[in-house]
Amino acid sequence: EDLFPDDEEPWWEESDKPADNERKVMFDHSVFFEDSGSKDGEFVHRRSQNQLIPQHGYYSSSCFTRFPEDTFGKKRYVLKKPDDPVESIARVEMNVRLKHVLPLMRYTSDFKACV
């Protein structure tokens, strides 16, 4: 589902909906892996505006290894079960933890989660 913008996911209307106190966000891979060696200088400018950004880029943050079990988001799915004689559904909710961020960023693109 993460291959399409939010407004173009008709088959996911019931899946991965944010709760009332959540927002659905898409991870930005180009910003995540940007560092001080970036050619356009955008990282240096962004870091001058916000000193909380790690010196070597978001990907270098120690929070991913220091707090691996901390949950920061959720993914929710509605799965159809082909039960006879009536089709039923199962609602699945998965926690996204900090230890999942680096592999998700490395091996997926446009990953979305409710935070």
Foldseek 3Di string as FASTA:
>chain_A
DLVDPPVPCVVCPPWQDADPPKDKDWDDLVQQQDACPDPVCPRVVVCVVPVVADRGGNVPDCCLVVFVAAFDFKTKDWAWDPDPPDIDIDIDMDTDGSVNVVVCSVPHHRDMTID
